[in-house]
Amino acid sequence: MAPEELEAAIESTAKKIHELLEQIGADSDPQEKRRLERRLKELRILQRWQLGQRS
């Protein structure tokens, strides 16, 4: 992945994480909350991988 693409992917992932955190805080359905939390965990793993690639 080119450095510019990687930076764009990192920014996109960070934005998705922020949006999910807002959704989790606003949602009251426990099942939906669990689904969102699973997706958040996946995105955080992806973010760590992306940040590791930057080094």
PDB file of N, CA and C in Angstrom:
ATOM      1  N   MET A   1       0.856  -1.171   0.000  1.00  0.00           N
ATOM      2  CA  MET A   1       0.000   0.000   0.000  1.00  0.00           C
ATOM      3  C   MET A   1       0.901   1.233   0.000  1.00  0.00           C
ATOM      4  N   ALA A   2       0.590   2.169  -0.846  1.00  0.00           N
ATOM      5  CA  ALA A   2       1.361   3.411  -0.927  1.00  0.00           C
ATOM      6  C   ALA A   2       1.151   4.236   0.352  1.00  0.00           C
ATOM      7  N   PRO A   3       2.163   5.012   0.729  1.00  0.00           N
ATOM      8  CA  PRO A   3       2.039   5.813   1.963  1.00  0.00           C
ATOM      9  C   PRO A   3       0.804   6.711   1.992  1.00  0.00           C
ATOM     10  N   GLU A   4       0.452   7.297   0.852  1.00  0.00           N
ATOM     11  CA  GLU A   4      -0.721   8.174   0.807  1.00  0.00           C
ATOM     12  C   GLU A   4      -1.999   7.377   1.040  1.00  0.00           C
ATOM     13  N   GLU A   5      -2.068   6.175   0.436  1.00  0.00           N
ATOM     14  CA  GLU A   5      -3.246   5.325   0.625  1.00  0.00           C
ATOM     15  C   GLU A   5      -3.359   4.885   2.078  1.00  0.00           C
ATOM     16  N   LEU A   6      -2.220   4.562   2.679  1.00  0.00           N
ATOM     17  CA  LEU A   6      -2.203   4.126   4.069  1.00  0.00           C
ATOM     18  C   LEU A   6      -2.689   5.235   4.994  1.00  0.00           C
ATOM     19  N   GLU A   7      -2.219   6.443   4.776  1.00  0.00           N
ATOM     20  CA  GLU A   7      -2.663   7.575   5.600  1.00  0.00           C
ATOM     21  C   GLU A   7      -4.162   7.811   5.448  1.00  0.00           C
ATOM     22  N   ALA A   8      -4.654   7.703   4.215  1.00  0.00           N
ATOM     23  CA  ALA A   8      -6.092   7.880   3.980  1.00  0.00           C
ATOM     24  C   ALA A   8      -6.887   6.777   4.681  1.00  0.00           C
ATOM     25  N   ALA A   9      -6.376   5.551   4.648  1.00  0.00           N
ATOM     26  CA  ALA A   9      -7.046   4.431   5.306  1.00  0.00           C
ATOM     27  C   ALA A   9      -7.053   4.626   6.822  1.00  0.00           C
ATOM     28  N   ILE A  10      -5.951   5.115   7.377  1.00  0.00           N
ATOM     29  CA  ILE A  10      -5.863   5.363   8.813  1.00  0.00           C
ATOM     30  C   ILE A  10      -6.891   6.413   9.230  1.00  0.00           C
ATOM     31  N   GLU A  11      -6.978   7.485   8.468  1.00  0.00           N
ATOM     32  CA  GLU A  11      -7.949   8.545   8.770  1.00  0.00           C
ATOM     33  C   GLU A  11      -9.380   8.024   8.668  1.00  0.00           C
ATOM     34  N   SER A  12      -9.648   7.222   7.648  1.00  0.00           N
ATOM     35  CA  SER A  12     -10.983   6.668   7.441  1.00  0.00           C
ATOM     36  C   SER A  12     -11.362   5.746   8.603  1.00  0.00           C
ATOM     37  N   THR A  13     -10.431   4.915   9.022  1.00  0.00           N
ATOM     38  CA  THR A  13     -10.689   3.999  10.132  1.00  0.00           C
ATOM     39  C   THR A  13     -10.954   4.776  11.418  1.00  0.00           C
ATOM     40  N   ALA A  14     -10.169   5.806  11.672  1.00  0.00           N
ATOM     41  CA  ALA A  14     -10.359   6.619  12.878  1.00  0.00           C
ATOM     42  C   ALA A  14     -11.741   7.273  12.865  1.00  0.00           C
ATOM     43  N   LYS A  15     -12.162   7.744  11.701  1.00  0.00           N
ATOM     44  CA  LYS A  15     -13.483   8.371  11.578  1.00  0.00           C
ATOM     45  C   LYS A  15     -14.588   7.346  11.846  1.00  0.00           C
ATOM     46  N   LYS A  16     -14.435   6.129  11.305  1.00  0.00           N
ATOM     47  CA  LYS A  16     -15.436   5.083  11.530  1.00  0.00           C
ATOM     48  C   LYS A  16     -15.514   4.708  13.005  1.00  0.00           C
ATOM     49  N   ILE A  17     -14.355   4.641  13.671  1.00  0.00           N
ATOM     50  CA  ILE A  17     -14.323   4.324  15.099  1.00  0.00           C
ATOM     51  C   ILE A  17     -15.078   5.387  15.888  1.00  0.00           C
ATOM     52  N   HIS A  18     -14.814   6.644  15.570  1.00  0.00           N
ATOM     53  CA  HIS A  18     -15.494   7.742  16.265  1.00  0.00           C
ATOM     54  C   HIS A  18     -17.009   7.666  16.057  1.00  0.00           C
ATOM     55  N   GLU A  19     -17.437   7.396  14.833  1.00  0.00           N
ATOM     56  CA  GLU A  19     -18.867   7.294  14.542  1.00  0.00           C
ATOM     57  C   GLU A  19     -19.502   6.127  15.307  1.00  0.00           C
ATOM     58  N   LEU A  20     -18.785   5.001  15.368  1.00  0.00           N
ATOM     59  CA  LEU A  20     -19.318   3.850  16.089  1.00  0.00           C
ATOM     60  C   LEU A  20     -19.448   4.137  17.576  1.00  0.00           C
ATOM     61  N   LEU A  21     -18.469   4.820  18.142  1.00  0.00           N
ATOM     62  CA  LEU A  21     -18.537   5.174  19.561  1.00  0.00           C
ATOM     63  C   LEU A  21     -19.762   6.030  19.850  1.00  0.00           C
ATOM     64  N   GLU A  22     -20.074   6.944  18.937  1.00  0.00           N
ATOM     65  CA  GLU A  22     -21.276   7.768  19.095  1.00  0.00           C
ATOM     66  C   GLU A  22     -22.538   6.919  19.008  1.00  0.00           C
ATOM     67  N   GLN A  23     -22.558   5.978  18.053  1.00  0.00           N
ATOM     68  CA  GLN A  23     -23.724   5.113  17.884  1.00  0.00           C
ATOM     69  C   GLN A  23     -23.931   4.240  19.117  1.00  0.00           C
ATOM     70  N   ILE A  24     -22.843   3.695  19.649  1.00  0.00           N
ATOM     71  CA  ILE A  24     -22.938   2.836  20.825  1.00  0.00           C
ATOM     72  C   ILE A  24     -23.521   3.614  22.003  1.00  0.00           C
ATOM     73  N   GLY A  25     -23.077   4.850  22.168  1.00  0.00           N
ATOM     74  CA  GLY A  25     -23.582   5.677  23.253  1.00  0.00           C
ATOM     75  C   GLY A  25     -25.048   6.036  23.104  1.00  0.00           C
ATOM     76  N   ALA A  26     -25.516   6.133  21.884  1.00  0.00           N
ATOM     77  CA  ALA A  26     -26.892   6.557  21.640  1.00  0.00           C
ATOM     78  C   ALA A  26     -27.871   5.384  21.558  1.00  0.00           C
ATOM     79  N   ASP A  27     -27.365   4.186  21.337  1.00  0.00           N
ATOM     80  CA  ASP A  27     -28.245   3.034  21.136  1.00  0.00           C
ATOM     81  C   ASP A  27     -28.661   2.419  22.468  1.00  0.00           C
ATOM     82  N   SER A  28     -29.919   1.996  22.548  1.00  0.00           N
ATOM     83  CA  SER A  28     -30.410   1.384  23.777  1.00  0.00           C
ATOM     84  C   SER A  28     -30.696  -0.110  23.606  1.00  0.00           C
ATOM     85  N   ASP A  29     -30.705  -0.600  22.378  1.00  0.00           N
ATOM     86  CA  ASP A  29     -30.966  -2.015  22.109  1.00  0.00           C
ATOM     87  C   ASP A  29     -29.708  -2.834  22.415  1.00  0.00           C
ATOM     88  N   PRO A  30     -29.765  -3.730  23.393  1.00  0.00           N
ATOM     89  CA  PRO A  30     -28.570  -4.492  23.785  1.00  0.00           C
ATOM     90  C   PRO A  30     -27.970  -5.330  22.649  1.00  0.00           C
ATOM     91  N   GLN A  31     -28.822  -5.904  21.814  1.00  0.00           N
ATOM     92  CA  GLN A  31     -28.321  -6.726  20.710  1.00  0.00           C
ATOM     93  C   GLN A  31     -27.578  -5.858  19.691  1.00  0.00           C
ATOM     94  N   GLU A  32     -28.132  -4.722  19.364  1.00  0.00           N
ATOM     95  CA  GLU A  32     -27.491  -3.809  18.420  1.00  0.00           C
ATOM     96  C   GLU A  32     -26.191  -3.260  19.016  1.00  0.00           C
ATOM     97  N   LYS A  33     -26.210  -2.989  20.306  1.00  0.00           N
ATOM     98  CA  LYS A  33     -25.027  -2.488  20.986  1.00  0.00           C
ATOM     99  C   LYS A  33     -23.886  -3.509  20.906  1.00  0.00           C
ATOM    100  N   ARG A  34     -24.204  -4.784  21.116  1.00  0.00           N
ATOM    101  CA  ARG A  34     -23.187  -5.844  21.018  1.00  0.00           C
ATOM    102  C   ARG A  34     -22.631  -5.935  19.607  1.00  0.00           C
ATOM    103  N   ARG A  35     -23.514  -5.812  18.602  1.00  0.00           N
ATOM    104  CA  ARG A  35     -23.065  -5.863  17.205  1.00  0.00           C
ATOM    105  C   ARG A  35     -22.111  -4.715  16.916  1.00  0.00           C
ATOM    106  N   LEU A  36     -22.468  -3.522  17.381  1.00  0.00           N
ATOM    107  CA  LEU A  36     -21.627  -2.353  17.174  1.00  0.00           C
ATOM    108  C   LEU A  36     -20.294  -2.487  17.906  1.00  0.00           C
ATOM    109  N   GLU A  37     -20.328  -3.057  19.102  1.00  0.00           N
ATOM    110  CA  GLU A  37     -19.092  -3.245  19.861  1.00  0.00           C
ATOM    111  C   GLU A  37     -18.167  -4.256  19.189  1.00  0.00           C
ATOM    112  N   ARG A  38     -18.738  -5.299  18.563  1.00  0.00           N
ATOM    113  CA  ARG A  38     -17.915  -6.249  17.799  1.00  0.00           C
ATOM    114  C   ARG A  38     -17.242  -5.548  16.623  1.00  0.00           C
ATOM    115  N   ARG A  39     -18.017  -4.727  15.920  1.00  0.00           N
ATOM    116  CA  ARG A  39     -17.466  -3.987  14.775  1.00  0.00           C
ATOM    117  C   ARG A  39     -16.369  -3.025  15.247  1.00  0.00           C
ATOM    118  N   LEU A  40     -16.579  -2.400  16.402  1.00  0.00           N
ATOM    119  CA  LEU A  40     -15.588  -1.493  16.961  1.00  0.00           C
ATOM    120  C   LEU A  40     -14.291  -2.239  17.253  1.00  0.00           C
ATOM    121  N   LYS A  41     -14.402  -3.421  17.818  1.00  0.00           N
ATOM    122  CA  LYS A  41     -13.221  -4.231  18.109  1.00  0.00           C
ATOM    123  C   LYS A  41     -12.462  -4.559  16.814  1.00  0.00           C
ATOM    124  N   GLU A  42     -13.201  -4.927  15.764  1.00  0.00           N
ATOM    125  CA  GLU A  42     -12.575  -5.225  14.477  1.00  0.00           C
ATOM    126  C   GLU A  42     -11.838  -4.004  13.927  1.00  0.00           C
ATOM    127  N   LEU A  43     -12.465  -2.848  14.037  1.00  0.00           N
ATOM    128  CA  LEU A  43     -11.847  -1.623  13.524  1.00  0.00           C
ATOM    129  C   LEU A  43     -10.600  -1.246  14.325  1.00  0.00           C
ATOM    130  N   ARG A  44     -10.619  -1.481  15.625  1.00  0.00           N
ATOM    131  CA  ARG A  44      -9.441  -1.174  16.441  1.00  0.00           C
ATOM    132  C   ARG A  44      -8.278  -2.093  16.081  1.00  0.00           C
ATOM    133  N   ILE A  45      -8.569  -3.353  15.769  1.00  0.00           N
ATOM    134  CA  ILE A  45      -7.526  -4.277  15.326  1.00  0.00           C
ATOM    135  C   ILE A  45      -6.971  -3.806  13.985  1.00  0.00           C
ATOM    136  N   LEU A  46      -7.850  -3.424  13.083  1.00  0.00           N
ATOM    137  CA  LEU A  46      -7.422  -2.906  11.791  1.00  0.00           C
ATOM    138  C   LEU A  46      -6.560  -1.660  11.963  1.00  0.00           C
ATOM    139  N   GLN A  47      -6.971  -0.780  12.858  1.00  0.00           N
ATOM    140  CA  GLN A  47      -6.225   0.452  13.094  1.00  0.00           C
ATOM    141  C   GLN A  47      -4.811   0.144  13.605  1.00  0.00           C
ATOM    142  N   ARG A  48      -4.692  -0.818  14.525  1.00  0.00           N
ATOM    143  CA  ARG A  48      -3.366  -1.190  15.028  1.00  0.00           C
ATOM    144  C   ARG A  48      -2.490  -1.722  13.904  1.00  0.00           C
ATOM    145  N   TRP A  49      -3.074  -2.551  13.026  1.00  0.00           N
ATOM    146  CA  TRP A  49      -2.325  -3.081  11.905  1.00  0.00           C
ATOM    147  C   TRP A  49      -1.863  -1.941  10.988  1.00  0.00           C
ATOM    148  N   GLN A  50      -2.771  -1.029  10.675  1.00  0.00           N
ATOM    149  CA  GLN A  50      -2.432   0.098   9.799  1.00  0.00           C
ATOM    150  C   GLN A  50      -1.318   0.938  10.408  1.00  0.00           C
ATOM    151  N   LEU A  51      -1.400   1.211  11.694  1.00  0.00           N
ATOM    152  CA  LEU A  51      -0.379   2.023  12.346  1.00  0.00           C
ATOM    153  C   LEU A  51       0.951   1.285  12.361  1.00  0.00           C
ATOM    154  N   GLY A  52       0.922  -0.039  12.471  1.00  0.00           N
ATOM    155  CA  GLY A  52       2.143  -0.825  12.419  1.00  0.00           C
ATOM    156  C   GLY A  52       2.782  -0.789  11.040  1.00  0.00           C
ATOM    157  N   GLN A  53       1.970  -0.690  10.005  1.00  0.00           N
ATOM    158  CA  GLN A  53       2.482  -0.619   8.640  1.00  0.00           C
ATOM    159  C   GLN A  53       3.164   0.708   8.348  1.00  0.00           C
ATOM    160  N   ARG A  54       2.748   1.721   9.077  1.00  0.00           N
ATOM    161  CA  ARG A  54       3.287   3.065   8.849  1.00  0.00           C
ATOM    162  C   ARG A  54       4.747   3.159   9.295  1.00  0.00           C
ATOM    163  N   SER A  55       5.116   2.389  10.283  1.00  0.00           N
ATOM    164  CA  SER A  55       6.476   2.462  10.849  1.00  0.00           C
ATOM    165  C   SER A  55       7.534   1.969   9.888  1.00  0.00           C
TER     166      SER A  55
END
